Amino acid sequence: MKMKNIFILMIFFSIISAAQVIKVKSGIEVLRENNFKLLEGKRVGLVTNASGVDSKLKSTIDILFEADNVDLVALYGPEHGVRGNIEAGFKVDTYTDEYTKLPVYSLYGSTRKPTEEMLNDIDVIVYDIQDIGCRSYTFISTMGLVMEAASQFDKEVVILDRANPLGGIRVEGNLVEEDFISFIGQFKIPYVYGLTCGELAMLLNEEGMLDNGVKCKLTVVPMEGWSRDVSFEETGLPWVATSPHIPHNYSPYFYVCSGIVGELREAFSIGVGYTIPFQSFATQWIDGNKLAEKMNSYQLQGVIFRPIYYMPYYAFGKGENLGGVQIHITDYHDVELMPIQFYFLQAVKELHPDFNIFESESTSQFSGFDKALGTDKVRKEFSKNYKFDDIKDFLNKDVAAFKELSSKYYLYK
């Protein structure tokens, strides 16, 4: 009798577990199910990287190349290249894809926007990249620049949509200011924008956010089965590292927690160069136990901080013993991500009153920090007292208005 009850319980929990996985079809799978009709009779260029795969991990490059009714003639590689074999920040020029023998035009080399020569042989340019839902991640900048070039040279753009791993509800951060437009802040959107890449493309196109307000001929191939409150884990789709330091489907959350402080490259480790990229704050002179106690005293919702000590293999602190905290997110729905790194700076200041990372009069060393934030106002205000409360309202000032604006472009409930 006991064995029978155990068996019933096993079946019950397996059903519950299965029910938590929602079968989502990405844009490439929807396109394929419709026999690629959208691309028939057209010369096709493809912007993609290693994350552009179907649910069986087959590359979109190979899917389109092998389709009988698709004429794939060119590839375009963002940062990290079309097959994900190029290190972050490494710039390359045109090369030939080893498998397809197609030309690969680099969009992270001497040019970041496709030139007329790059687009001469195509009619439509397809974009299929897994994004992470954060403004400073460069793939959406590439997408926007591709849209601008397509408008300039009269080419169609097709976005194969994918799930936002941060979901479609969370919005955090201020809009980028005009003087801080950069490749890590290409558009006037919040740091966390709560849209899929397809929805974002529609917003950029229709709200005049592309250069000089241009519009391209845009088609989005929506996913099937996705909704705004679905986590990536629940989609049933495999996660392919979108870049070397975003190895897991939960990595985008930590990227938002620490990536801005990570721009202070000569001061702290955020786990890049160790086994927990974006999941820690550490340096040579911090007592991890005291820092964890201080940060936990703030009682931030959905997150706990654990003392940690480690020796990075590369990047900041290579070969040195560092102390600090590891970020443990306990509730992915309720945690506020952006504030965590500012509470870290606040905690360090409270523990080390002489600490002043922003004391230099030269702002050039803070350029990446300000560009990631889309303003220098946050740094200037925060550095007065090192209190998160001093910048909280500024970081939140654009959230409600952007949510209202962006909701016009929702493809999913």
Protein backbone atom coordinates (compact mmCIF):
# COMPACT_ATOMS: atom_id res chain seq x y z
CA MET A 1 0.00 0.00 0.00
CA LYS A 2 2.81 2.37 0.87
CA MET A 3 4.55 1.69 -2.46
CA LYS A 4 1.29 2.40 -4.29
CA ASN A 5 0.93 5.74 -2.52
CA ILE A 6 4.52 6.65 -3.34
CA PHE A 7 3.88 5.76 -7.00
CA ILE A 8 0.77 7.96 -7.08
CA LEU A 9 2.70 10.83 -5.52
CA MET A 10 5.46 10.46 -8.12
CA ILE A 11 2.91 10.66 -10.93
CA PHE A 12 1.28 13.69 -9.30
CA PHE A 13 4.54 15.61 -8.95
CA SER A 14 5.60 14.73 -12.49
CA ILE A 15 2.30 16.13 -13.79
CA ILE A 16 2.77 19.31 -11.73
CA SER A 17 6.33 19.67 -13.02
CA ALA A 18 5.24 19.15 -16.61
CA ALA A 19 2.49 21.72 -16.19
CA GLN A 20 5.08 24.35 -15.29
CA VAL A 21 6.73 24.05 -18.71
CA ILE A 22 4.95 26.03 -21.40
CA LYS A 23 5.79 24.95 -24.92
CA VAL A 24 6.89 28.17 -26.56
CA LYS A 25 7.75 28.31 -30.24
CA SER A 26 10.33 30.91 -31.16
CA GLY A 27 10.03 33.03 -34.28
CA ILE A 28 12.29 30.78 -36.36
CA GLU A 29 10.09 27.78 -35.60
CA VAL A 30 6.93 29.69 -36.50
CA LEU A 31 8.59 30.82 -39.74
CA ARG A 32 9.55 27.24 -40.56
CA GLU A 33 6.05 25.93 -39.79
CA ASN A 34 4.77 28.42 -42.35
CA ASN A 35 7.26 27.01 -44.88
CA PHE A 36 9.30 30.23 -44.96
CA LYS A 37 6.67 31.90 -47.19
CA LEU A 38 7.68 35.31 -45.91
CA LEU A 39 11.11 34.87 -47.51
CA GLU A 40 10.21 33.14 -50.78
CA GLY A 41 11.55 34.76 -53.92
CA LYS A 42 13.82 37.09 -51.96
CA ARG A 43 17.56 37.20 -51.44
CA VAL A 44 18.06 36.86 -47.70
CA GLY A 45 20.67 38.22 -45.31
CA LEU A 46 20.75 36.98 -41.71
CA VAL A 47 21.91 38.75 -38.55
CA THR A 48 22.42 36.14 -35.86
CA ASN A 49 24.82 34.53 -33.42
CA ALA A 50 25.19 31.29 -31.49
CA SER A 51 21.93 31.96 -29.61
CA GLY A 52 19.89 31.88 -32.82
CA VAL A 53 18.72 28.25 -32.62
CA ASP A 54 15.50 26.26 -32.65
CA SER A 55 14.24 24.09 -29.80
CA LYS A 56 16.52 21.26 -30.96
CA LEU A 57 19.54 23.59 -30.96
CA LYS A 58 19.82 23.75 -34.73
CA SER A 59 21.26 27.06 -35.87
CA THR A 60 19.01 29.48 -37.73
CA ILE A 61 21.90 29.84 -40.19
CA ASP A 62 21.68 26.18 -41.08
CA ILE A 63 17.87 26.11 -41.05
CA LEU A 64 17.63 28.88 -43.63
CA PHE A 65 20.63 27.65 -45.63
CA GLU A 66 19.14 24.17 -46.00
CA ALA A 67 15.58 25.33 -46.78
CA ASP A 68 14.76 24.64 -50.45
CA ASN A 69 12.76 27.82 -50.89
CA VAL A 70 15.09 30.24 -49.08
CA ASP A 71 17.97 31.97 -50.87
CA LEU A 72 20.34 32.81 -48.04
CA VAL A 73 23.18 34.84 -49.51
CA ALA A 74 24.89 36.70 -46.63
CA LEU A 75 25.45 36.62 -42.88
CA TYR A 76 26.00 39.52 -40.49
CA GLY A 77 27.78 39.09 -37.19
CA PRO A 78 27.24 41.25 -34.08
CA GLU A 79 29.64 41.28 -31.13
CA HIS A 80 30.94 37.69 -30.62
CA GLY A 81 30.31 36.75 -34.29
CA VAL A 82 27.64 34.63 -36.01
CA ARG A 83 28.80 31.37 -34.43
CA GLY A 84 29.73 32.88 -31.06
CA ASN A 85 33.42 32.20 -31.55
CA ILE A 86 34.74 35.74 -31.06
CA GLU A 87 35.68 37.14 -27.65
CA ALA A 88 33.83 40.14 -26.20
CA GLY A 89 35.08 43.46 -27.55
CA PHE A 90 37.21 41.79 -30.24
CA LYS A 91 36.66 43.47 -33.60
CA VAL A 92 36.79 41.53 -36.87
CA ASP A 93 36.32 42.27 -40.54
CA THR A 94 34.53 40.32 -43.27
CA TYR A 95 35.23 36.59 -43.35
CA THR A 96 33.69 33.40 -44.78
CA ASP A 97 31.49 31.05 -42.75
CA GLU A 98 33.21 27.68 -42.74
CA TYR A 99 30.03 25.57 -43.13
CA THR A 100 27.91 27.58 -45.57
CA LYS A 101 30.80 29.35 -47.37
CA LEU A 102 28.71 32.52 -47.21
CA PRO A 103 30.29 35.92 -46.57
CA VAL A 104 30.03 37.11 -42.96
CA TYR A 105 29.96 40.88 -42.66
CA SER A 106 31.07 42.05 -39.24
CA LEU A 107 28.84 44.56 -37.45
CA TYR A 108 31.36 44.86 -34.66
CA GLY A 109 34.44 45.87 -36.60
CA SER A 110 35.25 48.98 -38.61
CA THR A 111 31.51 49.58 -38.96
CA ARG A 112 28.53 48.78 -36.73
CA LYS A 113 25.88 49.74 -39.27
CA PRO A 114 25.61 47.74 -42.52
CA THR A 115 26.95 49.68 -45.50
CA GLU A 116 25.36 49.83 -48.93
CA GLU A 117 27.98 47.38 -50.19
CA MET A 118 27.08 44.89 -47.44
CA LEU A 119 23.40 45.04 -48.42
CA ASN A 120 23.77 45.14 -52.21
CA ASP A 121 23.02 41.45 -52.77
CA ILE A 122 19.98 41.10 -50.50
CA ASP A 123 16.30 42.08 -50.51
CA VAL A 124 15.47 41.30 -46.90
CA ILE A 125 17.55 41.15 -43.74
CA VAL A 126 16.43 38.73 -41.01
CA TYR A 127 17.34 39.28 -37.36
CA ASP A 128 17.39 36.31 -34.97
CA ILE A 129 19.30 36.81 -31.72
CA GLN A 130 18.38 35.92 -28.14
CA ASP A 131 18.38 39.19 -26.24
CA ILE A 132 18.60 39.62 -22.45
CA GLY A 133 16.21 42.54 -21.96
CA CYS A 134 18.79 45.09 -20.80
CA ARG A 135 19.63 48.31 -22.65
CA SER A 136 23.41 48.10 -22.28
CA TYR A 137 23.63 44.68 -23.95
CA THR A 138 24.77 45.55 -27.47
CA PHE A 139 22.59 43.29 -29.61
CA ILE A 140 19.59 45.63 -29.58
CA SER A 141 21.89 48.45 -30.70
CA THR A 142 22.92 46.28 -33.64
CA MET A 143 19.25 45.57 -34.38
CA GLY A 144 18.44 49.28 -34.46
CA LEU A 145 21.39 50.13 -36.68
CA VAL A 146 20.38 47.35 -39.08
CA MET A 147 16.89 48.87 -39.22
CA GLU A 148 18.36 52.29 -39.99
CA ALA A 149 20.51 50.90 -42.79
CA ALA A 150 17.55 48.97 -44.20
CA SER A 151 15.55 52.19 -44.34
CA GLN A 152 18.40 54.02 -46.03
CA PHE A 153 18.95 51.37 -48.70
CA ASP A 154 15.32 50.24 -49.15
CA LYS A 155 15.58 46.74 -47.69
CA GLU A 156 12.98 44.82 -45.70
CA VAL A 157 13.62 43.78 -42.09
CA VAL A 158 12.19 40.61 -40.52
CA ILE A 159 12.58 40.08 -36.77
CA LEU A 160 12.24 36.48 -35.57
CA ASP A 161 10.99 37.04 -32.06
CA ARG A 162 12.32 35.42 -28.90
CA ALA A 163 11.43 35.45 -25.20
CA ASN A 164 12.73 38.20 -22.96
CA PRO A 165 14.45 36.29 -20.11
CA LEU A 166 13.61 39.13 -17.70
CA GLY A 167 9.95 38.78 -18.67
CA GLY A 168 7.63 41.32 -20.21
CA ILE A 169 6.54 43.13 -17.07
CA ARG A 170 9.70 44.38 -15.36
CA VAL A 171 10.82 47.92 -16.27
CA GLU A 172 13.66 49.62 -14.36
CA GLY A 173 15.76 52.71 -14.85
CA ASN A 174 15.71 56.15 -16.43
CA LEU A 175 15.75 56.95 -20.14
CA VAL A 176 19.04 57.67 -21.90
CA GLU A 177 19.78 61.39 -22.24
CA GLU A 178 20.83 62.87 -25.58
CA ASP A 179 24.48 63.48 -24.61
CA PHE A 180 24.90 59.87 -23.47
CA ILE A 181 23.73 58.02 -26.57
CA SER A 182 26.28 55.24 -27.19
CA PHE A 183 26.50 51.65 -28.35
CA ILE A 184 25.53 50.57 -24.81
CA GLY A 185 22.72 53.10 -24.75
CA GLN A 186 21.66 53.54 -28.34
CA PHE A 187 18.02 54.43 -27.69
CA LYS A 188 16.02 56.49 -25.21
CA ILE A 189 14.57 53.53 -23.33
CA PRO A 190 14.89 52.37 -19.70
CA TYR A 191 17.76 50.15 -18.58
CA VAL A 192 15.33 47.23 -18.29
CA TYR A 193 12.62 47.78 -20.91
CA GLY A 194 10.21 44.84 -20.58
CA LEU A 195 9.81 44.07 -24.30
CA THR A 196 10.80 41.28 -26.64
CA CYS A 197 13.19 42.26 -29.43
CA GLY A 198 10.27 42.21 -31.88
CA GLU A 199 8.19 44.52 -29.71
CA LEU A 200 11.17 46.81 -29.19
CA ALA A 201 11.79 46.95 -32.94
CA MET A 202 8.18 48.02 -33.49
CA LEU A 203 8.50 50.73 -30.83
CA LEU A 204 11.76 52.06 -32.28
CA ASN A 205 10.26 52.10 -35.75
CA GLU A 206 6.95 53.73 -34.90
CA GLU A 207 8.06 56.19 -32.21
CA GLY A 208 10.78 57.83 -34.27
CA MET A 209 13.61 56.48 -32.13
CA LEU A 210 15.79 55.47 -35.07
CA ASP A 211 18.30 58.04 -36.36
CA ASN A 212 16.49 61.07 -37.78
CA GLY A 213 13.18 59.34 -37.13
CA VAL A 214 13.49 57.03 -40.14
CA LYS A 215 11.28 53.97 -40.58
CA CYS A 216 12.06 50.66 -42.22
CA LYS A 217 9.79 48.07 -43.80
CA LEU A 218 9.40 45.90 -40.72
CA THR A 219 7.78 42.52 -40.15
CA VAL A 220 7.90 40.68 -36.81
CA VAL A 221 7.35 36.93 -36.71
CA PRO A 222 5.86 36.47 -33.22
CA MET A 223 6.42 33.53 -30.92
CA GLU A 224 3.61 31.17 -30.08
CA GLY A 225 2.78 30.31 -26.48
CA TRP A 226 4.70 33.08 -24.69
CA SER A 227 3.15 35.52 -22.24
CA ARG A 228 4.63 38.43 -20.33
CA ASP A 229 4.84 36.67 -16.97
CA VAL A 230 6.58 33.53 -18.28
CA SER A 231 10.14 32.90 -17.11
CA PHE A 232 12.63 31.56 -19.61
CA GLU A 233 12.83 28.29 -17.71
CA GLU A 234 9.08 27.86 -18.18
CA THR A 235 9.30 28.23 -21.96
CA GLY A 236 10.81 24.78 -22.43
CA LEU A 237 13.37 26.34 -24.79
CA PRO A 238 17.09 25.61 -24.41
CA TRP A 239 19.35 28.42 -23.29
CA VAL A 240 22.47 29.04 -25.34
CA ALA A 241 25.00 31.44 -23.84
CA THR A 242 24.31 34.77 -25.51
CA SER A 243 27.90 35.78 -24.74
CA PRO A 244 30.68 34.18 -22.69
CA HIS A 245 29.58 35.78 -19.40
CA ILE A 246 25.84 35.11 -19.82
CA PRO A 247 25.99 31.30 -19.58
CA HIS A 248 22.61 30.58 -17.92
CA ASN A 249 19.00 31.59 -18.39
CA TYR A 250 19.15 33.40 -15.02
CA SER A 251 22.37 35.29 -15.89
CA PRO A 252 20.48 38.33 -17.30
CA TYR A 253 19.08 39.05 -13.83
CA PHE A 254 22.56 39.25 -12.36
CA TYR A 255 23.80 41.31 -15.31
CA VAL A 256 21.29 43.99 -14.29
CA CYS A 257 22.28 43.66 -10.59
CA SER A 258 25.97 44.40 -11.10
CA GLY A 259 26.77 45.39 -14.69
CA ILE A 260 26.84 49.14 -14.10
CA VAL A 261 29.27 48.87 -11.19
CA GLY A 262 31.19 46.46 -13.41
CA GLU A 263 32.06 49.49 -15.56
CA LEU A 264 34.30 50.61 -12.67
CA ARG A 265 36.79 48.10 -13.97
CA GLU A 266 39.77 49.08 -11.81
CA ALA A 267 37.92 48.89 -8.50
CA PHE A 268 35.83 45.72 -8.13
CA SER A 269 35.26 42.23 -9.39
CA ILE A 270 31.68 41.33 -10.22
CA GLY A 271 32.57 37.69 -10.78
CA VAL A 272 33.69 38.10 -14.40
CA GLY A 273 36.93 36.14 -14.57
CA TYR A 274 35.65 33.66 -12.00
CA THR A 275 32.88 31.04 -12.12
CA ILE A 276 30.02 33.38 -11.18
CA PRO A 277 29.94 36.24 -13.71
CA PHE A 278 27.85 39.22 -12.55
CA GLN A 279 26.92 37.38 -9.33
CA SER A 280 29.32 38.99 -6.85
CA PHE A 281 30.99 42.15 -5.61
CA ALA A 282 34.54 41.71 -4.34
CA THR A 283 37.92 43.37 -4.04
CA GLN A 284 41.22 42.93 -2.19
CA TRP A 285 40.39 45.04 0.87
CA ILE A 286 36.79 44.05 1.70
CA ASP A 287 35.83 41.77 4.60
CA GLY A 288 33.16 39.55 3.09
CA ASN A 289 31.50 38.73 6.39
CA LYS A 290 31.09 42.37 7.37
CA LEU A 291 29.89 43.33 3.90
CA ALA A 292 27.30 40.54 3.85
CA GLU A 293 26.02 41.56 7.27
CA LYS A 294 25.72 45.18 6.17
CA MET A 295 23.96 44.42 2.90
CA ASN A 296 21.54 41.97 4.52
CA SER A 297 20.70 44.67 7.07
CA TYR A 298 19.01 46.64 4.27
CA GLN A 299 16.46 43.82 4.02
CA LEU A 300 16.15 44.07 0.25
CA GLN A 301 13.25 42.03 -1.05
CA GLY A 302 13.99 38.82 -2.92
CA VAL A 303 17.74 38.71 -2.39
CA ILE A 304 20.27 37.48 0.21
CA PHE A 305 24.00 38.20 0.30
CA ARG A 306 26.55 35.57 1.32
CA PRO A 307 30.20 36.19 2.22
CA ILE A 308 32.53 34.94 -0.49
CA TYR A 309 36.27 34.80 -1.10
CA TYR A 310 37.81 33.86 -4.44
CA MET A 311 40.75 34.29 -6.78
CA PRO A 312 39.80 35.30 -10.36
CA TYR A 313 41.39 33.45 -13.25
CA TYR A 314 41.42 36.60 -15.40
CA ALA A 315 40.10 40.20 -15.50
CA PHE A 316 40.11 42.34 -12.34
CA GLY A 317 42.00 40.78 -9.42
CA LYS A 318 43.53 37.98 -11.46
CA GLY A 319 45.51 35.72 -9.15
CA GLU A 320 44.66 37.74 -6.02
CA ASN A 321 42.51 36.82 -3.04
CA LEU A 322 39.34 38.90 -3.10
CA GLY A 323 36.65 39.22 -0.46
CA GLY A 324 33.06 40.29 -0.88
CA VAL A 325 29.55 38.96 -1.28
CA GLN A 326 27.74 36.64 -3.63
CA ILE A 327 24.25 37.71 -4.73
CA HIS A 328 21.59 35.05 -4.17
CA ILE A 329 18.23 35.94 -5.70
CA THR A 330 15.49 34.17 -3.75
CA ASP A 331 12.46 35.66 -5.53
CA TYR A 332 12.88 36.52 -9.20
CA HIS A 333 9.49 38.23 -9.36
CA ASP A 334 9.80 40.65 -6.45
CA VAL A 335 13.49 41.53 -6.46
CA GLU A 336 14.49 44.98 -7.73
CA LEU A 337 17.64 44.47 -9.73
CA MET A 338 19.26 47.82 -10.55
CA PRO A 339 19.36 49.13 -6.94
CA ILE A 340 21.47 46.20 -5.68
CA GLN A 341 24.76 47.61 -7.03
CA PHE A 342 24.09 51.02 -5.48
CA TYR A 343 23.34 49.43 -2.12
CA PHE A 344 26.70 47.70 -2.49
CA LEU A 345 28.44 51.07 -2.95
CA GLN A 346 26.46 52.45 -0.01
CA ALA A 347 27.49 49.51 2.19
CA VAL A 348 31.17 49.91 1.29
CA LYS A 349 31.00 53.61 2.13
CA GLU A 350 29.40 52.87 5.52
CA LEU A 351 32.04 50.28 6.33
CA HIS A 352 34.91 52.35 4.91
CA PRO A 353 34.11 56.08 5.34
CA ASP A 354 37.26 57.10 3.47
CA PHE A 355 36.09 55.18 0.38
CA ASN A 356 35.22 57.53 -2.51
CA ILE A 357 35.30 55.82 -5.89
CA PHE A 358 34.08 58.99 -7.61
CA GLU A 359 36.54 61.48 -6.10
CA SER A 360 38.56 62.00 -9.30
CA GLU A 361 37.93 65.22 -11.19
CA SER A 362 38.57 63.39 -14.46
CA THR A 363 35.25 62.05 -15.68
CA SER A 364 36.79 60.00 -18.50
CA GLN A 365 37.35 57.05 -16.19
CA PHE A 366 33.63 57.04 -15.39
CA SER A 367 32.58 57.21 -19.03
CA GLY A 368 31.36 53.60 -19.20
CA PHE A 369 29.51 53.96 -15.90
CA ASP A 370 27.68 57.08 -17.10
CA LYS A 371 26.96 55.63 -20.55
CA ALA A 372 25.48 52.49 -19.00
CA LEU A 373 23.20 54.69 -16.89
CA GLY A 374 22.47 57.01 -19.80
CA THR A 375 23.31 60.07 -17.69
CA ASP A 376 25.92 61.51 -15.36
CA LYS A 377 23.27 62.84 -12.97
CA VAL A 378 23.07 59.56 -11.04
CA ARG A 379 26.81 59.47 -10.38
CA LYS A 380 26.94 63.13 -9.38
CA GLU A 381 23.98 62.91 -7.02
CA PHE A 382 24.90 59.54 -5.52
CA SER A 383 28.51 60.57 -4.84
CA LYS A 384 27.37 63.34 -2.48
CA ASN A 385 26.21 60.97 0.28
CA TYR A 386 26.47 57.42 -1.15
CA LYS A 387 22.80 56.78 -0.34
CA PHE A 388 20.56 54.91 -2.74
CA ASP A 389 17.55 56.90 -1.55
CA ASP A 390 19.13 60.01 -3.10
CA ILE A 391 18.84 58.57 -6.64
CA LYS A 392 15.83 56.30 -6.27
CA ASP A 393 13.32 58.79 -7.64
CA PHE A 394 15.53 59.67 -10.59
CA LEU A 395 15.96 56.04 -11.58
CA ASN A 396 12.19 55.51 -11.42
CA LYS A 397 11.06 58.78 -12.99
CA ASP A 398 10.45 57.41 -16.51
CA VAL A 399 9.12 53.93 -15.68
CA ALA A 400 5.36 54.61 -15.63
CA ALA A 401 5.37 56.70 -18.81
CA PHE A 402 7.46 54.15 -20.69
CA LYS A 403 5.19 51.30 -19.62
CA GLU A 404 2.22 53.20 -21.01
CA LEU A 405 4.01 54.03 -24.27
CA SER A 406 5.45 50.56 -24.83
CA SER A 407 2.16 48.76 -24.11
CA LYS A 408 0.95 49.91 -27.54
CA TYR A 409 3.43 47.48 -29.09
CA TYR A 410 2.70 44.40 -26.98
CA LEU A 411 2.38 41.28 -29.11
CA TYR A 412 1.70 39.10 -26.06
CA LYS A 413 -0.58 39.35 -23.04
